[in-house]
């Protein structure tokens, strides 16, 4: 389960949003062919092509649970959680969907699953 990720800042005490929620809607495709190296992501709250401009270049994390445990490189603890990292490349159509490229192609079981669209790197 994806929990709401908010962190309070030292100065104001207000919660800070770390990522937006997105849903994998499928692969880029035509009528008969699909390109599994380009995934389509629908980001929560994004409804127009102009809205997608903020998210271009942002990192995406697809977090999933595997069968076997593996040692986490940072915490040195055994965990079943894995991550596939990607990046928002460009808009797809006029309804706020974006195209994303991941380091390894997303598996078909990821279609319909949630992803975290990180709010970094900043282009401001």
PDB file of N, CA and C in Angstrom:
ATOM      1  N   UNK A   1       0.839  -1.189   0.000  1.00  0.00           N
ATOM      2  CA  UNK A   1       0.000   0.000   0.000  1.00  0.00           C
ATOM      3  C   UNK A   1       0.878   1.243   0.000  1.00  0.00           C
ATOM      4  N   UNK A   2       0.487   2.225  -0.790  1.00  0.00           N
ATOM      5  CA  UNK A   2       1.230   3.480  -0.841  1.00  0.00           C
ATOM      6  C   UNK A   2       0.639   4.419   0.200  1.00  0.00           C
ATOM      7  N   UNK A   3       1.482   4.830   1.134  1.00  0.00           N
ATOM      8  CA  UNK A   3       1.024   5.757   2.156  1.00  0.00           C
ATOM      9  C   UNK A   3       1.232   7.182   1.669  1.00  0.00           C
ATOM     10  N   UNK A   4       0.486   8.102   2.247  1.00  0.00           N
ATOM     11  CA  UNK A   4       0.635   9.519   1.909  1.00  0.00           C
ATOM     12  C   UNK A   4       1.998   9.978   2.410  1.00  0.00           C
ATOM     13  N   UNK A   5       2.822  10.472   1.530  1.00  0.00           N
ATOM     14  CA  UNK A   5       4.173  10.881   1.909  1.00  0.00           C
ATOM     15  C   UNK A   5       4.214  12.384   2.097  1.00  0.00           C
ATOM     16  N   UNK A   6       4.183  12.791   3.335  1.00  0.00           N
ATOM     17  CA  UNK A   6       4.311  14.203   3.650  1.00  0.00           C
ATOM     18  C   UNK A   6       5.334  14.353   4.756  1.00  0.00           C
ATOM     19  N   UNK A   7       6.122  15.391   4.676  1.00  0.00           N
ATOM     20  CA  UNK A   7       7.145  15.674   5.668  1.00  0.00           C
ATOM     21  C   UNK A   7       6.940  17.104   6.125  1.00  0.00           C
ATOM     22  N   UNK A   8       7.019  17.328   7.422  1.00  0.00           N
ATOM     23  CA  UNK A   8       6.854  18.704   7.905  1.00  0.00           C
ATOM     24  C   UNK A   8       8.213  19.399   7.903  1.00  0.00           C
ATOM     25  N   UNK A   9       8.208  20.660   7.516  1.00  0.00           N
ATOM     26  CA  UNK A   9       9.444  21.424   7.483  1.00  0.00           C
ATOM     27  C   UNK A   9       9.747  21.974   8.863  1.00  0.00           C
ATOM     28  N   UNK A  10      11.003  22.344   9.099  1.00  0.00           N
ATOM     29  CA  UNK A  10      11.427  22.851  10.400  1.00  0.00           C
ATOM     30  C   UNK A  10      10.833  24.218  10.694  1.00  0.00           C
ATOM     31  N   UNK A  11      10.793  25.097   9.688  1.00  0.00           N
ATOM     32  CA  UNK A  11      10.417  26.489   9.943  1.00  0.00           C
ATOM     33  C   UNK A  11       8.912  26.686  10.092  1.00  0.00           C
ATOM     34  N   UNK A  12       8.117  26.149   9.167  1.00  0.00           N
ATOM     35  CA  UNK A  12       6.686  26.438   9.187  1.00  0.00           C
ATOM     36  C   UNK A  12       5.853  25.339   9.834  1.00  0.00           C
ATOM     37  N   UNK A  13       6.327  24.099   9.826  1.00  0.00           N
ATOM     38  CA  UNK A  13       5.546  23.003  10.361  1.00  0.00           C
ATOM     39  C   UNK A  13       4.464  22.522   9.417  1.00  0.00           C
ATOM     40  N   UNK A  14       4.380  23.100   8.218  1.00  0.00           N
ATOM     41  CA  UNK A  14       3.381  22.694   7.227  1.00  0.00           C
ATOM     42  C   UNK A  14       3.872  21.443   6.492  1.00  0.00           C
ATOM     43  N   UNK A  15       2.955  20.540   6.116  1.00  0.00           N
ATOM     44  CA  UNK A  15       3.383  19.354   5.382  1.00  0.00           C
ATOM     45  C   UNK A  15       3.856  19.708   3.974  1.00  0.00           C
ATOM     46  N   UNK A  16       4.865  18.974   3.508  1.00  0.00           N
ATOM     47  CA  UNK A  16       5.445  19.184   2.189  1.00  0.00           C
ATOM     48  C   UNK A  16       5.168  17.950   1.346  1.00  0.00           C
ATOM     49  N   UNK A  17       4.633  18.138   0.156  1.00  0.00           N
ATOM     50  CA  UNK A  17       4.307  17.030  -0.732  1.00  0.00           C
ATOM     51  C   UNK A  17       5.572  16.540  -1.416  1.00  0.00           C
ATOM     52  N   UNK A  18       5.838  15.239  -1.342  1.00  0.00           N
ATOM     53  CA  UNK A  18       7.049  14.669  -1.930  1.00  0.00           C
ATOM     54  C   UNK A  18       6.813  14.072  -3.309  1.00  0.00           C
ATOM     55  N   UNK A  19       5.608  13.558  -3.554  1.00  0.00           N
ATOM     56  CA  UNK A  19       5.328  12.973  -4.864  1.00  0.00           C
ATOM     57  C   UNK A  19       3.845  13.061  -5.166  1.00  0.00           C
ATOM     58  N   UNK A  20       3.537  12.970  -6.463  1.00  0.00           N
ATOM     59  CA  UNK A  20       2.154  12.888  -6.921  1.00  0.00           C
ATOM     60  C   UNK A  20       1.871  11.441  -7.310  1.00  0.00           C
ATOM     61  N   UNK A  21       0.619  11.067  -7.248  1.00  0.00           N
ATOM     62  CA  UNK A  21       0.230   9.709  -7.590  1.00  0.00           C
ATOM     63  C   UNK A  21      -0.087   9.633  -9.074  1.00  0.00           C
ATOM     64  N   UNK A  22       0.332   8.558  -9.701  1.00  0.00           N
ATOM     65  CA  UNK A  22       0.033   8.330 -11.109  1.00  0.00           C
ATOM     66  C   UNK A  22      -0.402   6.893 -11.323  1.00  0.00           C
ATOM     67  N   UNK A  23      -1.051   6.636 -12.443  1.00  0.00           N
ATOM     68  CA  UNK A  23      -1.508   5.285 -12.772  1.00  0.00           C
ATOM     69  C   UNK A  23      -0.961   4.910 -14.149  1.00  0.00           C
ATOM     70  N   UNK A  24      -0.412   3.708 -14.252  1.00  0.00           N
ATOM     71  CA  UNK A  24       0.084   3.203 -15.540  1.00  0.00           C
ATOM     72  C   UNK A  24      -1.126   2.769 -16.356  1.00  0.00           C
ATOM     73  N   UNK A  25      -1.335   3.435 -17.491  1.00  0.00           N
ATOM     74  CA  UNK A  25      -2.505   3.099 -18.312  1.00  0.00           C
ATOM     75  C   UNK A  25      -2.167   2.130 -19.439  1.00  0.00           C
ATOM     76  N   UNK A  26      -0.894   1.911 -19.705  1.00  0.00           N
ATOM     77  CA  UNK A  26      -0.509   0.972 -20.759  1.00  0.00           C
ATOM     78  C   UNK A  26       0.769   1.412 -21.428  1.00  0.00           C
ATOM     79  N   UNK A  27       1.030   0.838 -22.595  1.00  0.00           N
ATOM     80  CA  UNK A  27       2.206   1.192 -23.382  1.00  0.00           C
ATOM     81  C   UNK A  27       1.788   2.079 -24.549  1.00  0.00           C
ATOM     82  N   UNK A  28       2.756   2.796 -25.097  1.00  0.00           N
ATOM     83  CA  UNK A  28       2.497   3.571 -26.311  1.00  0.00           C
ATOM     84  C   UNK A  28       2.235   2.572 -27.432  1.00  0.00           C
ATOM     85  N   UNK A  29       1.153   2.820 -28.183  1.00  0.00           N
ATOM     86  CA  UNK A  29       0.767   1.819 -29.171  1.00  0.00           C
ATOM     87  C   UNK A  29      -0.009   2.421 -30.322  1.00  0.00           C
ATOM     88  N   UNK A  30      -0.065   1.644 -31.358  1.00  0.00           N
ATOM     89  CA  UNK A  30      -0.934   1.948 -32.482  1.00  0.00           C
ATOM     90  C   UNK A  30      -2.060   0.935 -32.486  1.00  0.00           C
ATOM     91  N   UNK A  31      -2.671   0.753 -33.622  1.00  0.00           N
ATOM     92  CA  UNK A  31      -3.781  -0.193 -33.696  1.00  0.00           C
ATOM     93  C   UNK A  31      -3.309  -1.630 -33.522  1.00  0.00           C
ATOM     94  N   UNK A  32      -2.169  -1.970 -34.118  1.00  0.00           N
ATOM     95  CA  UNK A  32      -1.687  -3.355 -34.086  1.00  0.00           C
ATOM     96  C   UNK A  32      -0.359  -3.541 -33.374  1.00  0.00           C
ATOM     97  N   UNK A  33       0.404  -2.485 -33.179  1.00  0.00           N
ATOM     98  CA  UNK A  33       1.731  -2.611 -32.561  1.00  0.00           C
ATOM     99  C   UNK A  33       1.790  -1.809 -31.268  1.00  0.00           C
ATOM    100  N   UNK A  34       2.565  -2.318 -30.318  1.00  0.00           N
ATOM    101  CA  UNK A  34       2.797  -1.551 -29.095  1.00  0.00           C
ATOM    102  C   UNK A  34       4.287  -1.468 -28.820  1.00  0.00           C
ATOM    103  N   UNK A  35       4.682  -0.376 -28.173  1.00  0.00           N
ATOM    104  CA  UNK A  35       6.080  -0.128 -27.849  1.00  0.00           C
ATOM    105  C   UNK A  35       6.225  -0.202 -26.339  1.00  0.00           C
ATOM    106  N   UNK A  36       6.732  -1.329 -25.837  1.00  0.00           N
ATOM    107  CA  UNK A  36       6.792  -1.536 -24.392  1.00  0.00           C
ATOM    108  C   UNK A  36       7.889  -0.712 -23.721  1.00  0.00           C
ATOM    109  N   UNK A  37       8.738  -0.034 -24.505  1.00  0.00           N
ATOM    110  CA  UNK A  37       9.776   0.797 -23.891  1.00  0.00           C
ATOM    111  C   UNK A  37       9.253   2.175 -23.530  1.00  0.00           C
ATOM    112  N   UNK A  38       8.017   2.485 -23.888  1.00  0.00           N
ATOM    113  CA  UNK A  38       7.414   3.780 -23.594  1.00  0.00           C
ATOM    114  C   UNK A  38       6.077   3.541 -22.901  1.00  0.00           C
ATOM    115  N   UNK A  39       5.993   3.892 -21.607  1.00  0.00           N
ATOM    116  CA  UNK A  39       4.775   3.669 -20.834  1.00  0.00           C
ATOM    117  C   UNK A  39       3.958   4.947 -20.743  1.00  0.00           C
ATOM    118  N   UNK A  40       2.636   4.805 -20.672  1.00  0.00           N
ATOM    119  CA  UNK A  40       1.740   5.944 -20.540  1.00  0.00           C
ATOM    120  C   UNK A  40       1.285   6.042 -19.087  1.00  0.00           C
ATOM    121  N   UNK A  41       1.421   7.238 -18.510  1.00  0.00           N
ATOM    122  CA  UNK A  41       1.103   7.467 -17.107  1.00  0.00           C
ATOM    123  C   UNK A  41       0.060   8.577 -17.011  1.00  0.00           C
ATOM    124  N   UNK A  42      -1.014   8.322 -16.271  1.00  0.00           N
ATOM    125  CA  UNK A  42      -2.028   9.340 -15.984  1.00  0.00           C
ATOM    126  C   UNK A  42      -1.748   9.869 -14.581  1.00  0.00           C
ATOM    127  N   UNK A  43      -1.357  11.155 -14.487  1.00  0.00           N
ATOM    128  CA  UNK A  43      -0.995  11.766 -13.211  1.00  0.00           C
ATOM    129  C   UNK A  43      -2.233  12.405 -12.586  1.00  0.00           C
ATOM    130  N   UNK A  44      -2.390  12.196 -11.283  1.00  0.00           N
ATOM    131  CA  UNK A  44      -3.548  12.707 -10.551  1.00  0.00           C
ATOM    132  C   UNK A  44      -3.577  14.232 -10.592  1.00  0.00           C
ATOM    133  N   UNK A  45      -4.712  14.794 -10.994  1.00  0.00           N
ATOM    134  CA  UNK A  45      -4.875  16.244 -11.010  1.00  0.00           C
ATOM    135  C   UNK A  45      -4.403  16.919 -12.282  1.00  0.00           C
ATOM    136  N   UNK A  46      -3.896  16.157 -13.240  1.00  0.00           N
ATOM    137  CA  UNK A  46      -3.409  16.715 -14.503  1.00  0.00           C
ATOM    138  C   UNK A  46      -4.428  16.383 -15.587  1.00  0.00           C
ATOM    139  N   UNK A  47      -5.033  17.418 -16.185  1.00  0.00           N
ATOM    140  CA  UNK A  47      -6.110  17.173 -17.140  1.00  0.00           C
ATOM    141  C   UNK A  47      -5.865  17.765 -18.523  1.00  0.00           C
ATOM    142  N   UNK A  48      -4.853  18.627 -18.673  1.00  0.00           N
ATOM    143  CA  UNK A  48      -4.591  19.219 -19.980  1.00  0.00           C
ATOM    144  C   UNK A  48      -3.114  19.070 -20.344  1.00  0.00           C
ATOM    145  N   UNK A  49      -2.841  19.289 -21.604  1.00  0.00           N
ATOM    146  CA  UNK A  49      -1.460  19.209 -22.078  1.00  0.00           C
ATOM    147  C   UNK A  49      -0.592  20.287 -21.431  1.00  0.00           C
ATOM    148  N   UNK A  50      -1.173  21.449 -21.171  1.00  0.00           N
ATOM    149  CA  UNK A  50      -0.419  22.535 -20.519  1.00  0.00           C
ATOM    150  C   UNK A  50      -0.030  22.161 -19.090  1.00  0.00           C
ATOM    151  N   UNK A  51      -0.875  21.387 -18.412  1.00  0.00           N
ATOM    152  CA  UNK A  51      -0.561  20.955 -17.042  1.00  0.00           C
ATOM    153  C   UNK A  51       0.628  20.006 -16.998  1.00  0.00           C
ATOM    154  N   UNK A  52       0.854  19.247 -18.064  1.00  0.00           N
ATOM    155  CA  UNK A  52       1.938  18.263 -18.068  1.00  0.00           C
ATOM    156  C   UNK A  52       3.312  18.919 -18.121  1.00  0.00           C
ATOM    157  N   UNK A  53       3.374  20.181 -18.512  1.00  0.00           N
ATOM    158  CA  UNK A  53       4.660  20.860 -18.672  1.00  0.00           C
ATOM    159  C   UNK A  53       5.469  20.869 -17.373  1.00  0.00           C
ATOM    160  N   UNK A  54       4.798  20.981 -16.231  1.00  0.00           N
ATOM    161  CA  UNK A  54       5.487  20.992 -14.936  1.00  0.00           C
ATOM    162  C   UNK A  54       6.193  19.669 -14.671  1.00  0.00           C
ATOM    163  N   UNK A  55       5.617  18.551 -15.136  1.00  0.00           N
ATOM    164  CA  UNK A  55       6.125  17.221 -14.800  1.00  0.00           C
ATOM    165  C   UNK A  55       7.200  16.713 -15.759  1.00  0.00           C
ATOM    166  N   UNK A  56       7.485  17.428 -16.839  1.00  0.00           N
ATOM    167  CA  UNK A  56       8.483  16.948 -17.797  1.00  0.00           C
ATOM    168  C   UNK A  56       9.853  16.866 -17.125  1.00  0.00           C
ATOM    169  N   UNK A  57      10.496  15.711 -17.241  1.00  0.00           N
ATOM    170  CA  UNK A  57      11.804  15.495 -16.640  1.00  0.00           C
ATOM    171  C   UNK A  57      11.765  14.975 -15.219  1.00  0.00           C
ATOM    172  N   UNK A  58      10.584  14.883 -14.614  1.00  0.00           N
ATOM    173  CA  UNK A  58      10.475  14.403 -13.235  1.00  0.00           C
ATOM    174  C   UNK A  58      10.694  12.896 -13.180  1.00  0.00           C
ATOM    175  N   UNK A  59      11.196  12.431 -12.025  1.00  0.00           N
ATOM    176  CA  UNK A  59      11.466  11.008 -11.833  1.00  0.00           C
ATOM    177  C   UNK A  59      10.199  10.274 -11.424  1.00  0.00           C
ATOM    178  N   UNK A  60      10.079   9.021 -11.858  1.00  0.00           N
ATOM    179  CA  UNK A  60       8.932   8.180 -11.522  1.00  0.00           C
ATOM    180  C   UNK A  60       9.459   6.907 -10.875  1.00  0.00           C
ATOM    181  N   UNK A  61       8.779   6.459  -9.809  1.00  0.00           N
ATOM    182  CA  UNK A  61       9.146   5.213  -9.139  1.00  0.00           C
ATOM    183  C   UNK A  61       7.971   4.244  -9.179  1.00  0.00           C
ATOM    184  N   UNK A  62       8.205   3.068  -9.759  1.00  0.00           N
ATOM    185  CA  UNK A  62       7.217   1.984  -9.713  1.00  0.00           C
ATOM    186  C   UNK A  62       7.683   1.034  -8.618  1.00  0.00           C
ATOM    187  N   UNK A  63       6.984   1.043  -7.484  1.00  0.00           N
ATOM    188  CA  UNK A  63       7.346   0.221  -6.332  1.00  0.00           C
ATOM    189  C   UNK A  63       6.482  -1.025  -6.352  1.00  0.00           C
ATOM    190  N   UNK A  64       7.116  -2.199  -6.255  1.00  0.00           N
ATOM    191  CA  UNK A  64       6.378  -3.450  -6.285  1.00  0.00           C
ATOM    192  C   UNK A  64       6.982  -4.426  -5.294  1.00  0.00           C
ATOM    193  N   UNK A  65       6.232  -5.478  -5.000  1.00  0.00           N
ATOM    194  CA  UNK A  65       6.663  -6.477  -4.037  1.00  0.00           C
ATOM    195  C   UNK A  65       7.032  -7.757  -4.795  1.00  0.00           C
ATOM    196  N   UNK A  66       8.243  -8.276  -4.526  1.00  0.00           N
ATOM    197  CA  UNK A  66       8.727  -9.490  -5.176  1.00  0.00           C
ATOM    198  C   UNK A  66       8.514 -10.698  -4.264  1.00  0.00           C
ATOM    199  N   UNK A  67       8.781 -11.901  -4.787  1.00  0.00           N
ATOM    200  CA  UNK A  67       8.597 -13.108  -3.977  1.00  0.00           C
ATOM    201  C   UNK A  67       9.757 -13.317  -3.015  1.00  0.00           C
ATOM    202  N   UNK A  68      10.983 -13.148  -3.500  1.00  0.00           N
ATOM    203  CA  UNK A  68      12.151 -13.422  -2.663  1.00  0.00           C
ATOM    204  C   UNK A  68      12.657 -12.146  -2.005  1.00  0.00           C
ATOM    205  N   UNK A  69      13.195 -12.298  -0.819  1.00  0.00           N
ATOM    206  CA  UNK A  69      13.779 -11.142  -0.136  1.00  0.00           C
ATOM    207  C   UNK A  69      15.167 -10.870  -0.691  1.00  0.00           C
ATOM    208  N   UNK A  70      15.543  -9.612  -0.619  1.00  0.00           N
ATOM    209  CA  UNK A  70      16.858  -9.174  -1.077  1.00  0.00           C
ATOM    210  C   UNK A  70      17.357  -8.136  -0.084  1.00  0.00           C
ATOM    211  N   UNK A  71      18.648  -8.065   0.115  1.00  0.00           N
ATOM    212  CA  UNK A  71      19.187  -7.104   1.062  1.00  0.00           C
ATOM    213  C   UNK A  71      19.169  -5.701   0.452  1.00  0.00           C
ATOM    214  N   UNK A  72      18.595  -4.756   1.195  1.00  0.00           N
ATOM    215  CA  UNK A  72      18.565  -3.367   0.764  1.00  0.00           C
ATOM    216  C   UNK A  72      19.985  -2.808   0.833  1.00  0.00           C
ATOM    217  N   UNK A  73      20.416  -2.100  -0.227  1.00  0.00           N
ATOM    218  CA  UNK A  73      21.788  -1.609  -0.292  1.00  0.00           C
ATOM    219  C   UNK A  73      22.059  -0.501   0.722  1.00  0.00           C
ATOM    220  N   UNK A  74      21.019   0.228   1.107  1.00  0.00           N
ATOM    221  CA  UNK A  74      21.211   1.368   2.013  1.00  0.00           C
ATOM    222  C   UNK A  74      21.030   0.959   3.472  1.00  0.00           C
ATOM    223  N   UNK A  75      19.900   0.304   3.773  1.00  0.00           N
ATOM    224  CA  UNK A  75      19.608  -0.036   5.170  1.00  0.00           C
ATOM    225  C   UNK A  75      20.199  -1.381   5.592  1.00  0.00           C
ATOM    226  N   UNK A  76      20.672  -2.186   4.642  1.00  0.00           N
ATOM    227  CA  UNK A  76      21.271  -3.505   4.892  1.00  0.00           C
ATOM    228  C   UNK A  76      20.291  -4.502   5.506  1.00  0.00           C
ATOM    229  N   UNK A  77      18.980  -4.249   5.352  1.00  0.00           N
ATOM    230  CA  UNK A  77      17.962  -5.163   5.859  1.00  0.00           C
ATOM    231  C   UNK A  77      17.334  -5.932   4.700  1.00  0.00           C
ATOM    232  N   UNK A  78      16.816  -7.123   5.005  1.00  0.00           N
ATOM    233  CA  UNK A  78      16.122  -7.899   3.983  1.00  0.00           C
ATOM    234  C   UNK A  78      14.758  -7.288   3.694  1.00  0.00           C
ATOM    235  N   UNK A  79      14.411  -7.182   2.411  1.00  0.00           N
ATOM    236  CA  UNK A  79      13.130  -6.614   2.021  1.00  0.00           C
ATOM    237  C   UNK A  79      12.651  -7.265   0.735  1.00  0.00           C
ATOM    238  N   UNK A  80      11.329  -7.277   0.567  1.00  0.00           N
ATOM    239  CA  UNK A  80      10.745  -7.801  -0.665  1.00  0.00           C
ATOM    240  C   UNK A  80      10.387  -6.667  -1.628  1.00  0.00           C
ATOM    241  N   UNK A  81      10.530  -5.427  -1.200  1.00  0.00           N
ATOM    242  CA  UNK A  81      10.170  -4.293  -2.043  1.00  0.00           C
ATOM    243  C   UNK A  81      11.266  -4.008  -3.060  1.00  0.00           C
ATOM    244  N   UNK A  82      10.855  -3.738  -4.287  1.00  0.00           N
ATOM    245  CA  UNK A  82      11.786  -3.366  -5.362  1.00  0.00           C
ATOM    246  C   UNK A  82      11.251  -2.123  -6.042  1.00  0.00           C
ATOM    247  N   UNK A  83      12.122  -1.435  -6.752  1.00  0.00           N
ATOM    248  CA  UNK A  83      11.737  -0.203  -7.441  1.00  0.00           C
ATOM    249  C   UNK A  83      12.300  -0.217  -8.848  1.00  0.00           C
ATOM    250  N   UNK A  84      11.486   0.211  -9.811  1.00  0.00           N
ATOM    251  CA  UNK A  84      11.969   0.479 -11.165  1.00  0.00           C
ATOM    252  C   UNK A  84      11.828   1.981 -11.373  1.00  0.00           C
ATOM    253  N   UNK A  85      12.948   2.651 -11.652  1.00  0.00           N
ATOM    254  CA  UNK A  85      12.960   4.101 -11.812  1.00  0.00           C
ATOM    255  C   UNK A  85      12.778   4.486 -13.270  1.00  0.00           C
ATOM    256  N   UNK A  86      12.102   5.602 -13.486  1.00  0.00           N
ATOM    257  CA  UNK A  86      11.877   6.114 -14.830  1.00  0.00           C
ATOM    258  C   UNK A  86      11.853   7.626 -14.832  1.00  0.00           C
ATOM    259  N   UNK A  87      11.516   8.175 -15.992  1.00  0.00           N
ATOM    260  CA  UNK A  87      11.516   9.621 -16.164  1.00  0.00           C
ATOM    261  C   UNK A  87      10.389  10.017 -17.106  1.00  0.00           C
ATOM    262  N   UNK A  88       9.716  11.134 -16.788  1.00  0.00           N
ATOM    263  CA  UNK A  88       8.668  11.656 -17.668  1.00  0.00           C
ATOM    264  C   UNK A  88       9.358  12.270 -18.883  1.00  0.00           C
ATOM    265  N   UNK A  89       8.994  11.811 -20.076  1.00  0.00           N
ATOM    266  CA  UNK A  89       9.644  12.270 -21.300  1.00  0.00           C
ATOM    267  C   UNK A  89       8.887  13.393 -21.991  1.00  0.00           C
ATOM    268  N   UNK A  90       7.578  13.208 -22.219  1.00  0.00           N
ATOM    269  CA  UNK A  90       6.793  14.202 -22.936  1.00  0.00           C
ATOM    270  C   UNK A  90       5.311  13.935 -22.728  1.00  0.00           C
ATOM    271  N   UNK A  91       4.493  14.852 -23.192  1.00  0.00           N
ATOM    272  CA  UNK A  91       3.036  14.686 -23.101  1.00  0.00           C
ATOM    273  C   UNK A  91       2.578  13.682 -24.150  1.00  0.00           C
ATOM    274  N   UNK A  92       1.407  13.090 -23.902  1.00  0.00           N
ATOM    275  CA  UNK A  92       0.809  12.146 -24.848  1.00  0.00           C
ATOM    276  C   UNK A  92      -0.651  12.541 -25.024  1.00  0.00           C
ATOM    277  N   UNK A  93      -0.967  13.183 -26.126  1.00  0.00           N
ATOM    278  CA  UNK A  93      -2.335  13.610 -26.361  1.00  0.00           C
ATOM    279  C   UNK A  93      -2.656  14.900 -25.628  1.00  0.00           C
ATOM    280  N   UNK A  94      -3.937  15.219 -25.548  1.00  0.00           N
ATOM    281  CA  UNK A  94      -4.374  16.494 -24.991  1.00  0.00           C
ATOM    282  C   UNK A  94      -5.034  16.359 -23.632  1.00  0.00           C
ATOM    283  N   UNK A  95      -5.115  15.132 -23.082  1.00  0.00           N
ATOM    284  CA  UNK A  95      -5.877  14.932 -21.854  1.00  0.00           C
ATOM    285  C   UNK A  95      -5.017  14.813 -20.603  1.00  0.00           C
ATOM    286  N   UNK A  96      -3.737  15.156 -20.692  1.00  0.00           N
ATOM    287  CA  UNK A  96      -2.897  15.156 -19.495  1.00  0.00           C
ATOM    288  C   UNK A  96      -2.144  13.873 -19.237  1.00  0.00           C
ATOM    289  N   UNK A  97      -2.146  12.947 -20.170  1.00  0.00           N
ATOM    290  CA  UNK A  97      -1.357  11.725 -20.035  1.00  0.00           C
ATOM    291  C   UNK A  97       0.068  12.024 -20.478  1.00  0.00           C
ATOM    292  N   UNK A  98       1.063  11.391 -19.826  1.00  0.00           N
ATOM    293  CA  UNK A  98       2.463  11.611 -20.191  1.00  0.00           C
ATOM    294  C   UNK A  98       3.097  10.285 -20.614  1.00  0.00           C
ATOM    295  N   UNK A  99       4.141  10.398 -21.432  1.00  0.00           N
ATOM    296  CA  UNK A  99       4.945   9.238 -21.805  1.00  0.00           C
ATOM    297  C   UNK A  99       6.141   9.184 -20.872  1.00  0.00           C
ATOM    298  N   UNK A 100       6.491   7.979 -20.449  1.00  0.00           N
ATOM    299  CA  UNK A 100       7.615   7.803 -19.535  1.00  0.00           C
ATOM    300  C   UNK A 100       8.491   6.663 -20.011  1.00  0.00           C
ATOM    301  N   UNK A 101       9.784   6.812 -19.801  1.00  0.00           N
ATOM    302  CA  UNK A 101      10.743   5.753 -20.110  1.00  0.00           C
ATOM    303  C   UNK A 101      11.356   5.278 -18.802  1.00  0.00           C
ATOM    304  N   UNK A 102      11.360   3.968 -18.589  1.00  0.00           N
ATOM    305  CA  UNK A 102      11.911   3.379 -17.377  1.00  0.00           C
ATOM    306  C   UNK A 102      13.238   2.706 -17.694  1.00  0.00           C
ATOM    307  N   UNK A 103      14.080   2.515 -16.669  1.00  0.00           N
ATOM    308  CA  UNK A 103      15.389   1.899 -16.874  1.00  0.00           C
ATOM    309  C   UNK A 103      15.251   0.498 -17.445  1.00  0.00           C
ATOM    310  N   UNK A 104      14.334  -0.278 -16.897  1.00  0.00           N
ATOM    311  CA  UNK A 104      13.935  -1.528 -17.533  1.00  0.00           C
ATOM    312  C   UNK A 104      12.447  -1.387 -17.819  1.00  0.00           C
ATOM    313  N   UNK A 105      11.992  -1.966 -18.899  1.00  0.00           N
ATOM    314  CA  UNK A 105      10.587  -1.821 -19.279  1.00  0.00           C
ATOM    315  C   UNK A 105       9.672  -2.316 -18.157  1.00  0.00           C
ATOM    316  N   UNK A 106       8.555  -1.631 -17.982  1.00  0.00           N
ATOM    317  CA  UNK A 106       7.599  -2.058 -16.967  1.00  0.00           C
ATOM    318  C   UNK A 106       6.964  -3.380 -17.380  1.00  0.00           C
ATOM    319  N   UNK A 107       6.760  -4.289 -16.431  1.00  0.00           N
ATOM    320  CA  UNK A 107       6.095  -5.546 -16.764  1.00  0.00           C
ATOM    321  C   UNK A 107       4.608  -5.328 -17.015  1.00  0.00           C
ATOM    322  N   UNK A 108       3.959  -6.234 -17.721  1.00  0.00           N
ATOM    323  CA  UNK A 108       2.527  -6.062 -18.002  1.00  0.00           C
ATOM    324  C   UNK A 108       1.654  -6.008 -16.752  1.00  0.00           C
ATOM    325  N   UNK A 109       2.102  -6.617 -15.640  1.00  0.00           N
ATOM    326  CA  UNK A 109       1.299  -6.570 -14.409  1.00  0.00           C
ATOM    327  C   UNK A 109       1.254  -5.165 -13.818  1.00  0.00           C
ATOM    328  N   UNK A 110       2.101  -4.259 -14.330  1.00  0.00           N
ATOM    329  CA  UNK A 110       2.114  -2.878 -13.831  1.00  0.00           C
ATOM    330  C   UNK A 110       0.974  -2.052 -14.407  1.00  0.00           C
ATOM    331  N   UNK A 111       0.325  -2.527 -15.461  1.00  0.00           N
ATOM    332  CA  UNK A 111      -0.773  -1.767 -16.060  1.00  0.00           C
ATOM    333  C   UNK A 111      -1.928  -1.703 -15.060  1.00  0.00           C
ATOM    334  N   UNK A 112      -2.337  -0.494 -14.743  1.00  0.00           N
ATOM    335  CA  UNK A 112      -3.370  -0.273 -13.735  1.00  0.00           C
ATOM    336  C   UNK A 112      -2.813  -0.025 -12.351  1.00  0.00           C
ATOM    337  N   UNK A 113      -1.518  -0.244 -12.164  1.00  0.00           N
ATOM    338  CA  UNK A 113      -0.898  -0.044 -10.854  1.00  0.00           C
ATOM    339  C   UNK A 113      -0.536   1.423 -10.656  1.00  0.00           C
ATOM    340  N   UNK A 114      -0.280   1.789  -9.409  1.00  0.00           N
ATOM    341  CA  UNK A 114       0.091   3.170  -9.102  1.00  0.00           C
ATOM    342  C   UNK A 114       1.603   3.339  -9.159  1.00  0.00           C
ATOM    343  N   UNK A 115       2.013   4.537  -9.528  1.00  0.00           N
ATOM    344  CA  UNK A 115       3.423   4.911  -9.516  1.00  0.00           C
ATOM    345  C   UNK A 115       3.550   6.225  -8.751  1.00  0.00           C
ATOM    346  N   UNK A 116       4.747   6.507  -8.276  1.00  0.00           N
ATOM    347  CA  UNK A 116       5.015   7.764  -7.594  1.00  0.00           C
ATOM    348  C   UNK A 116       5.742   8.696  -8.562  1.00  0.00           C
ATOM    349  N   UNK A 117       5.147   9.835  -8.832  1.00  0.00           N
ATOM    350  CA  UNK A 117       5.789  10.839  -9.682  1.00  0.00           C
ATOM    351  C   UNK A 117       6.449  11.833  -8.737  1.00  0.00           C
ATOM    352  N   UNK A 118       7.760  11.705  -8.589  1.00  0.00           N
ATOM    353  CA  UNK A 118       8.511  12.543  -7.653  1.00  0.00           C
ATOM    354  C   UNK A 118       8.526  13.983  -8.141  1.00  0.00           C
ATOM    355  N   UNK A 119       8.595  14.912  -7.215  1.00  0.00           N
ATOM    356  CA  UNK A 119       8.589  16.325  -7.577  1.00  0.00           C
ATOM    357  C   UNK A 119      10.013  16.865  -7.724  1.00  0.00           C
ATOM    358  N   UNK A 120      10.935  16.025  -8.143  1.00  0.00           N
ATOM    359  CA  UNK A 120      12.296  16.423  -8.448  1.00  0.00           C
ATOM    360  C   UNK A 120      12.730  15.675  -9.695  1.00  0.00           C
ATOM    361  N   UNK A 121      13.701  16.121 -10.444  1.00  0.00           N
ATOM    362  CA  UNK A 121      14.454  17.366 -10.300  1.00  0.00           C
ATOM    363  C   UNK A 121      13.624  18.589 -10.678  1.00  0.00           C
ATOM    364  N   UNK A 122      13.910  19.702 -10.033  1.00  0.00           N
ATOM    365  CA  UNK A 122      13.150  20.922 -10.270  1.00  0.00           C
ATOM    366  C   UNK A 122      13.702  21.648 -11.495  1.00  0.00           C
ATOM    367  N   UNK A 123      12.809  22.227 -12.295  1.00  0.00           N
ATOM    368  CA  UNK A 123      13.237  23.002 -13.453  1.00  0.00           C
ATOM    369  C   UNK A 123      13.002  24.493 -13.247  1.00  0.00           C
ATOM    370  N   UNK A 124      12.732  24.878 -12.004  1.00  0.00           N
ATOM    371  CA  UNK A 124      12.435  26.282 -11.699  1.00  0.00           C
ATOM    372  C   UNK A 124      13.719  27.070 -11.584  1.00  0.00           C
TER     373      UNK A 124
END
